[in-house]
Amino acid sequence: MDKITAAKHDDVVRLFPGIQDHTVVEILGTKATVGELEAASLLLGNQDEGLEDARREATGQLSRVLAILASAEIMPRDDRDR
């Protein structure tokens, strides 16, 4: 899968199972790439204090995706499922 390709519905659902369709549409509206969605998944799923700065300093599409996911209280797929 090409990480610079614009994300599609299936990409969002794969990374964030159980996500509501209206939230998927909102995320797709950011025109985030697959790589940005994967980064958001890693940042949300890892509570390491060292990544807290990365979450706060995210910009562009990544920042918007993180905000959408946080407001919808969406968590990434469990690493064991990957």
C-alpha atoms as a PDB file:
ATOM      1  CA  MET A   1       0.000   0.000   0.000  1.00  0.00           C
ATOM      2  CA  ASP A   2       1.391   3.401  -1.006  1.00  0.00           C
ATOM      3  CA  LYS A   3       1.598   5.678   2.046  1.00  0.00           C
ATOM      4  CA  ILE A   4       1.364   8.863  -0.030  1.00  0.00           C
ATOM      5  CA  THR A   5      -1.896   7.839  -1.670  1.00  0.00           C
ATOM      6  CA  ALA A   6      -5.013   9.616  -0.491  1.00  0.00           C
ATOM      7  CA  ALA A   7      -6.828   7.481   2.070  1.00  0.00           C
ATOM      8  CA  LYS A   8     -10.007   5.690   1.082  1.00  0.00           C
ATOM      9  CA  HIS A   9     -12.989   4.503   3.126  1.00  0.00           C
ATOM     10  CA  ASP A  10     -11.505   1.013   3.538  1.00  0.00           C
ATOM     11  CA  ASP A  11      -8.228   2.450   4.858  1.00  0.00           C
ATOM     12  CA  VAL A  12     -10.005   4.411   7.589  1.00  0.00           C
ATOM     13  CA  VAL A  13     -12.165   1.447   8.623  1.00  0.00           C
ATOM     14  CA  ARG A  14      -9.145  -0.887   8.645  1.00  0.00           C
ATOM     15  CA  LEU A  15      -7.235   1.395  11.018  1.00  0.00           C
ATOM     16  CA  PHE A  16     -10.212   2.427  13.155  1.00  0.00           C
ATOM     17  CA  PRO A  17     -12.725  -0.452  13.332  1.00  0.00           C
ATOM     18  CA  GLY A  18     -16.234   0.474  14.367  1.00  0.00           C
ATOM     19  CA  ILE A  19     -15.847   4.075  13.219  1.00  0.00           C
ATOM     20  CA  GLN A  20     -19.120   5.713  12.194  1.00  0.00           C
ATOM     21  CA  ASP A  21     -19.624   6.491   8.492  1.00  0.00           C
ATOM     22  CA  HIS A  22     -20.100  10.220   9.129  1.00  0.00           C
ATOM     23  CA  THR A  23     -16.719  10.296  10.888  1.00  0.00           C
ATOM     24  CA  VAL A  24     -15.112   8.435   7.978  1.00  0.00           C
ATOM     25  CA  VAL A  25     -16.534  11.039   5.589  1.00  0.00           C
ATOM     26  CA  GLU A  26     -15.188  13.844   7.784  1.00  0.00           C
ATOM     27  CA  ILE A  27     -11.714  12.256   7.823  1.00  0.00           C
ATOM     28  CA  LEU A  28     -11.764  11.681   4.066  1.00  0.00           C
ATOM     29  CA  GLY A  29     -12.636  15.363   3.680  1.00  0.00           C
ATOM     30  CA  THR A  30      -9.222  16.253   5.119  1.00  0.00           C
ATOM     31  CA  LYS A  31      -7.594  14.536   2.123  1.00  0.00           C
ATOM     32  CA  ALA A  32      -5.212  12.779   4.516  1.00  0.00           C
ATOM     33  CA  THR A  33      -2.889  10.163   3.090  1.00  0.00           C
ATOM     34  CA  VAL A  34      -2.687   6.547   4.193  1.00  0.00           C
ATOM     35  CA  GLY A  35       0.604   7.409   5.905  1.00  0.00           C
ATOM     36  CA  GLU A  36      -1.035  10.232   7.858  1.00  0.00           C
ATOM     37  CA  LEU A  37      -3.820   7.903   9.003  1.00  0.00           C
ATOM     38  CA  GLU A  38      -1.242   5.349  10.095  1.00  0.00           C
ATOM     39  CA  ALA A  39       0.636   8.065  11.998  1.00  0.00           C
ATOM     40  CA  ALA A  40      -2.604   9.138  13.699  1.00  0.00           C
ATOM     41  CA  SER A  41      -3.269   5.525  14.640  1.00  0.00           C
ATOM     42  CA  LEU A  42       0.190   5.168  16.177  1.00  0.00           C
ATOM     43  CA  LEU A  43      -0.041   8.470  18.044  1.00  0.00           C
ATOM     44  CA  LEU A  44      -3.462   7.670  19.466  1.00  0.00           C
ATOM     45  CA  GLY A  45      -2.623   4.089  20.330  1.00  0.00           C
ATOM     46  CA  ASN A  46       0.656   4.779  22.082  1.00  0.00           C
ATOM     47  CA  GLN A  47       0.380   6.558  25.418  1.00  0.00           C
ATOM     48  CA  ASP A  48       4.161   6.960  25.696  1.00  0.00           C
ATOM     49  CA  GLU A  49       4.988  10.350  27.205  1.00  0.00           C
ATOM     50  CA  GLY A  50       7.621  10.887  24.519  1.00  0.00           C
ATOM     51  CA  LEU A  51       4.905  10.957  21.862  1.00  0.00           C
ATOM     52  CA  GLU A  52       2.804  13.525  23.711  1.00  0.00           C
ATOM     53  CA  ASP A  53       4.841  16.325  22.093  1.00  0.00           C
ATOM     54  CA  ALA A  54       4.306  14.773  18.664  1.00  0.00           C
ATOM     55  CA  ARG A  55       0.535  14.702  19.253  1.00  0.00           C
ATOM     56  CA  ARG A  56       0.537  18.353  20.361  1.00  0.00           C
ATOM     57  CA  GLU A  57       2.774  19.513  17.517  1.00  0.00           C
ATOM     58  CA  ALA A  58       0.976  17.704  14.692  1.00  0.00           C
ATOM     59  CA  THR A  59       0.026  20.004  11.843  1.00  0.00           C
ATOM     60  CA  GLY A  60      -1.958  19.904   8.614  1.00  0.00           C
ATOM     61  CA  GLN A  61      -4.066  16.883   7.792  1.00  0.00           C
ATOM     62  CA  LEU A  62      -2.583  14.857  10.660  1.00  0.00           C
ATOM     63  CA  SER A  63      -3.683  17.490  13.151  1.00  0.00           C
ATOM     64  CA  ARG A  64      -7.175  17.610  11.686  1.00  0.00           C
ATOM     65  CA  VAL A  65      -7.480  13.804  11.666  1.00  0.00           C
ATOM     66  CA  LEU A  66      -6.345  13.623  15.308  1.00  0.00           C
ATOM     67  CA  ALA A  67      -8.915  16.274  16.264  1.00  0.00           C
ATOM     68  CA  ILE A  68     -11.726  14.435  14.456  1.00  0.00           C
ATOM     69  CA  LEU A  69     -10.791  11.117  16.061  1.00  0.00           C
ATOM     70  CA  ALA A  70     -10.512  12.683  19.510  1.00  0.00           C
ATOM     71  CA  SER A  71     -13.891  14.403  19.245  1.00  0.00           C
ATOM     72  CA  ALA A  72     -15.486  11.122  18.133  1.00  0.00           C
ATOM     73  CA  GLU A  73     -13.613   9.229  20.889  1.00  0.00           C
ATOM     74  CA  ILE A  74     -12.185   6.806  18.328  1.00  0.00           C
ATOM     75  CA  MET A  75      -9.240   4.593  19.189  1.00  0.00           C
ATOM     76  CA  PRO A  76      -7.080   2.683  16.714  1.00  0.00           C
ATOM     77  CA  ARG A  77      -7.265  -1.019  16.120  1.00  0.00           C
ATOM     78  CA  ASP A  78      -5.445  -3.088  18.735  1.00  0.00           C
ATOM     79  CA  ASP A  79      -1.878  -3.918  17.641  1.00  0.00           C
ATOM     80  CA  ARG A  80      -2.610  -7.600  18.095  1.00  0.00           C
ATOM     81  CA  ASP A  81      -5.120  -7.364  15.220  1.00  0.00           C
ATOM     82  CA  ARG A  82      -2.638  -5.925  12.695  1.00  0.00           C
END
